[in-house]
Protein backbone atom coordinates (compact mmCIF):
# COMPACT_ATOMS: atom_id res chain seq x y z
CA MET A 1 98.51 77.63 145.92
CA SER A 2 100.07 81.02 145.19
CA ILE A 3 103.43 82.77 144.98
CA LYS A 4 102.72 84.30 148.37
CA GLU A 5 101.86 81.08 150.16
CA ASP A 6 104.54 78.94 148.51
CA ALA A 7 107.34 81.49 148.98
CA GLN A 8 106.41 82.41 152.53
CA ARG A 9 106.34 78.74 153.53
CA ALA A 10 109.70 78.06 151.89
CA HIS A 11 111.37 80.96 153.69
CA ALA A 12 109.72 80.05 156.99
CA ASN A 13 111.20 76.57 156.75
CA LEU A 14 114.66 78.14 156.72
CA LEU A 15 114.31 81.14 159.03
CA GLU A 16 111.41 80.64 161.45
CA LYS A 17 113.45 79.06 164.25
CA THR A 18 116.58 81.16 163.91
CA ASP A 19 115.51 84.57 162.56
CA PRO A 20 111.81 85.09 163.24
CA GLU A 21 111.96 88.90 163.24
CA ALA A 22 113.77 89.02 159.91
CA LEU A 23 111.36 86.42 158.50
CA GLU A 24 108.35 88.53 159.53
CA ARG A 25 109.56 91.54 157.55
CA ILE A 26 110.94 89.55 154.60
CA ASN A 27 107.72 87.63 154.10
CA HIS A 28 105.50 90.65 154.61
CA PHE A 29 107.35 92.98 152.25
CA THR A 30 108.46 90.56 149.53
CA PHE A 31 105.42 88.32 149.35
CA ASP A 32 102.57 90.43 150.75
CA GLU A 33 103.24 94.07 149.94
CA VAL A 34 105.17 93.71 146.68
CA GLN A 35 102.95 90.95 145.29
CA GLU A 36 99.85 93.04 146.00
CA ASP A 37 101.27 96.26 144.56
CA VAL A 38 102.79 94.82 141.36
CA ASP A 39 100.16 93.81 138.81
CA LEU A 40 101.79 91.19 136.58
CA PRO A 41 100.87 87.59 135.67
CA ASP A 42 102.41 85.02 138.01
CA ARG A 43 104.39 83.42 135.20
CA THR A 44 105.95 86.77 134.25
CA LYS A 45 106.82 87.51 137.86
CA MET A 46 108.52 84.18 138.30
CA LEU A 47 110.42 84.22 134.99
CA SER A 48 111.77 87.65 135.86
CA THR A 49 112.72 86.61 139.39
CA LEU A 50 114.66 83.57 138.19
CA ALA A 51 116.55 85.83 135.76
CA TYR A 52 117.20 88.42 138.47
CA LEU A 53 118.56 85.78 140.84
CA LEU A 54 120.88 84.51 138.14
CA GLY A 55 121.99 88.07 137.45
CA CYS A 56 122.81 88.85 141.07
CA GLN A 57 124.32 85.41 141.74
CA GLY A 58 121.64 84.66 144.33
CA VAL A 59 122.06 80.90 144.08
CA ASP A 60 120.67 80.12 147.55
CA GLU A 61 117.56 82.23 146.97
CA TYR A 62 117.25 80.71 143.48
CA LYS A 63 117.14 77.28 145.11
CA ILE A 64 114.21 78.48 147.23
CA MET A 65 112.36 80.27 144.45
CA LEU A 66 112.74 77.78 141.58
CA PRO A 67 110.16 75.37 143.08
CA VAL A 68 107.87 78.37 143.69
CA ALA A 69 108.23 79.33 140.03
CA LEU A 70 107.53 75.78 138.87
CA ASP A 71 104.34 75.75 140.96
CA ASN A 72 103.22 79.14 139.68
CA GLY A 73 103.22 79.15 135.90
CA VAL A 74 106.79 78.37 134.82
CA SER A 75 107.41 75.06 133.05
CA PRO A 76 110.65 73.07 133.35
CA VAL A 77 111.47 73.97 129.74
CA GLU A 78 111.00 77.68 130.46
CA ALA A 79 113.14 77.48 133.59
CA LYS A 80 115.92 75.80 131.60
CA GLU A 81 115.70 78.45 128.87
CA VAL A 82 116.19 81.21 131.47
CA LEU A 83 119.23 79.30 132.68
CA TYR A 84 120.72 78.68 129.24
CA GLN A 85 120.31 82.23 127.96
CA ALA A 86 122.06 83.58 131.06
CA ILE A 87 125.36 82.09 129.88
CA ASP A 88 125.93 84.82 127.30
CA TYR A 89 125.05 87.69 129.61
CA LEU A 90 126.62 86.50 132.86
CA GLY A 91 129.33 84.11 131.71
CA LEU A 92 129.68 80.37 132.19
CA GLY A 93 131.70 80.81 135.37
CA ARG A 94 128.78 82.53 137.10
CA VAL A 95 126.02 80.38 135.64
CA MET A 96 127.46 76.90 136.16
CA PRO A 97 126.47 76.62 139.87
CA PHE A 98 122.85 77.19 138.84
CA PHE A 99 122.91 74.12 136.59
CA LYS A 100 123.36 71.83 139.58
CA VAL A 101 120.63 73.55 141.58
CA THR A 102 118.20 73.46 138.65
CA ASN A 103 118.89 69.82 137.85
CA ASP A 104 118.61 68.82 141.51
CA VAL A 105 115.25 70.58 141.89
CA LEU A 106 113.85 69.07 138.68
CA THR A 107 115.10 65.59 139.60
CA VAL A 108 113.43 65.74 143.02
CA ARG A 109 110.20 66.70 141.28
CA GLY A 110 110.41 63.67 138.99
CA VAL A 111 111.19 65.57 135.78
CA LYS A 112 112.96 63.33 133.28
CA MET A 113 116.08 64.84 131.76
CA PRO A 114 117.34 65.82 129.33
CA LEU A 115 114.24 67.77 128.43
CA GLU A 116 112.94 67.86 124.88
CA GLY A 117 115.34 69.75 122.63
CA GLN A 118 114.52 73.38 121.82
CA ALA A 119 117.29 74.28 119.34
CA THR A 120 116.22 75.52 115.91
CA THR A 121 119.65 76.23 114.42
CA THR A 122 122.58 74.08 113.35
CA MET A 123 126.30 74.73 113.48
CA GLU A 124 126.04 75.58 109.79
CA ASP A 125 123.24 78.19 109.91
CA ARG A 126 123.56 79.72 113.41
CA LEU A 127 125.33 82.84 112.07
CA GLU A 128 122.69 83.45 109.42
CA LYS A 129 119.79 82.83 111.81
CA GLY A 130 121.47 84.89 114.50
CA GLU A 131 121.71 87.87 112.17
CA GLU A 132 118.05 87.50 111.23
CA THR A 133 117.10 87.48 114.90
CA GLN A 134 119.33 90.43 115.78
CA MET A 135 117.83 92.49 112.95
CA ARG A 136 114.29 91.56 114.03
CA LEU A 137 114.95 92.77 117.57
CA PHE A 138 117.20 95.77 116.99
CA GLY A 139 116.48 96.87 113.44
CA PRO A 140 117.92 96.62 109.91
CA GLN A 141 121.03 98.57 110.92
CA MET A 142 122.33 95.32 112.46
CA LYS A 143 122.89 93.89 108.96
CA GLY A 144 126.59 93.06 108.63
CA PHE A 145 127.25 93.56 112.37
CA ALA A 146 129.16 90.25 112.48
CA GLU A 147 131.71 91.59 110.00
CA LYS A 148 132.91 94.35 112.34
CA GLY A 149 135.08 92.16 114.56
CA ILE A 150 135.43 88.76 116.16
CA ILE A 151 133.39 89.60 119.26
CA ASN A 152 130.68 91.02 117.01
CA LYS A 153 130.61 87.72 115.13
CA TRP A 154 130.36 85.80 118.40
CA LEU A 155 127.46 87.98 119.51
CA VAL A 156 125.62 87.12 116.30
CA ASP A 157 126.29 83.39 116.02
CA ASN A 158 126.49 82.54 119.71
CA CYS A 159 124.25 84.96 121.63
CA PHE A 160 121.55 85.36 119.02
CA GLY A 161 122.11 82.28 116.86
CA ASP A 162 122.53 79.75 119.65
CA TYR A 163 120.09 81.08 122.27
CA TYR A 164 117.60 83.66 121.01
CA THR A 165 116.54 81.28 118.24
CA ARG A 166 115.55 78.53 120.65
CA LYS A 167 111.98 77.52 121.31
CA GLY A 168 110.52 77.55 124.82
CA LEU A 169 110.37 81.33 125.21
CA ASP A 170 109.28 83.97 122.69
CA ASP A 171 111.03 87.24 121.76
CA ASN A 172 109.21 89.22 124.45
CA ASP A 173 110.14 86.72 127.15
CA ARG A 174 113.76 86.60 126.02
CA GLU A 175 114.21 90.36 125.91
CA MET A 176 112.53 90.67 129.30
CA ILE A 177 114.85 88.15 130.96
CA THR A 178 117.88 89.77 129.31
CA PHE A 179 116.82 93.08 130.84
CA CYS A 180 116.62 91.28 134.19
CA TYR A 181 120.10 89.74 133.96
CA LEU A 182 121.59 93.15 133.18
CA ALA A 183 119.61 95.10 135.78
CA ALA A 184 120.56 92.59 138.46
CA GLN A 185 124.29 92.48 137.82
CA GLY A 186 124.65 96.27 137.59
CA GLY A 187 127.46 98.27 136.01
CA VAL A 188 126.26 97.54 132.46
CA GLU A 189 123.97 100.49 131.92
CA PRO A 190 124.81 100.99 128.20
CA GLN A 191 123.71 97.42 127.48
CA LEU A 192 120.73 97.78 129.82
CA LEU A 193 119.63 100.88 127.89
CA ALA A 194 119.89 99.06 124.56
CA HIS A 195 117.81 96.16 125.81
CA ALA A 196 115.29 98.44 127.49
CA LYS A 197 114.75 100.01 124.05
CA ALA A 198 114.47 96.56 122.44
CA ASN A 199 111.88 95.58 125.03
CA ILE A 200 109.84 98.71 124.42
CA GLY A 201 110.04 98.11 120.67
CA LEU A 202 108.56 94.65 121.18
CA GLY A 203 105.71 95.96 123.32
CA ASN A 204 107.28 95.44 126.76
CA ASP A 205 106.64 99.11 127.45
CA LYS A 206 107.84 101.51 130.14
CA GLU A 207 105.02 100.54 132.50
CA PHE A 208 105.75 96.84 132.06
CA LEU A 209 109.51 97.20 132.62
CA THR A 210 108.93 99.36 135.68
CA LYS A 211 106.72 96.64 137.14
CA ILE A 212 109.44 94.07 136.42
CA VAL A 213 111.93 96.17 138.39
CA LEU A 214 109.50 96.65 141.27
CA GLN A 215 108.68 92.93 141.39
CA ASN A 216 112.36 92.16 141.94
CA GLU A 217 113.44 95.02 144.19
CA PRO A 218 113.40 92.73 147.28
CA PHE A 219 115.87 90.38 145.61
CA ILE A 220 118.30 93.01 144.31
CA GLY A 221 117.92 96.02 146.63
CA TYR A 222 117.15 99.68 146.08
CA PRO A 223 120.32 101.08 144.44
CA ARG A 224 120.27 98.82 141.38
CA SER A 225 116.49 99.03 141.19
CA LEU A 226 116.58 102.81 141.10
CA ASN A 227 119.31 102.68 138.45
CA ALA A 228 117.21 100.33 136.34
CA ILE A 229 114.13 102.55 136.59
CA SER A 230 116.25 105.53 135.53
CA VAL A 231 117.43 103.57 132.46
CA VAL A 232 113.86 102.58 131.59
CA ASN A 233 112.80 106.23 131.77
CA GLN A 234 115.74 107.25 129.58
CA ALA A 235 114.94 104.56 126.99
CA ASP A 236 111.31 105.61 126.81
CA SER A 237 112.23 109.28 126.52
CA GLU A 238 114.75 108.70 123.74
CA LEU A 239 112.37 106.50 121.75
CA ASN A 240 109.56 109.03 122.08
CA LYS A 241 111.76 111.76 120.61
């Protein structure tokens, strides 16, 4: 099967009898036109879309698209990692509803849970490992960042020590989905700029990030997509200076 066929069928099951005209345009634009025009691997498309739907709180669309992702290159472990990492960028209050949806979808598909553990840190070394990870992604200037305040410490031991150190996704995947959470929720352009630069530094270049935005425009709309593209352009320009 394909993203196009799986997603179009899933949306038709919900809208064909009640909203056929809307369905025609949704399925054509989102899963014909966009999928043809955006040249990315299926797995990358689907990882980014799950992160975007978390970021915009699109829980009903997430319920539709998670099975599509699982059938098109995303493993259960990878889907769970996208879910877990979202906690630090979106907050537990906004992420918790997605736990039920994810677990329900995986259960229906016969996936035994809990999945194999992916943690690589302990409660004793999460701060140390978090600092190592933060420095690897953002540079040596992050040394001692945790000492600048309590929220700085939490960013190091919790955000980077608890989540970025996990297996299941690599640095490039994790920075890409972080970009997606931030682009989707909007209003966090300073953080989006920082993570756009981190992505580019890892090799997720301007062209790649632009494709990620385009892939997910149907799910988030034009205003936030245009803002994200502007931030990507700014990040690339500042790094090239």
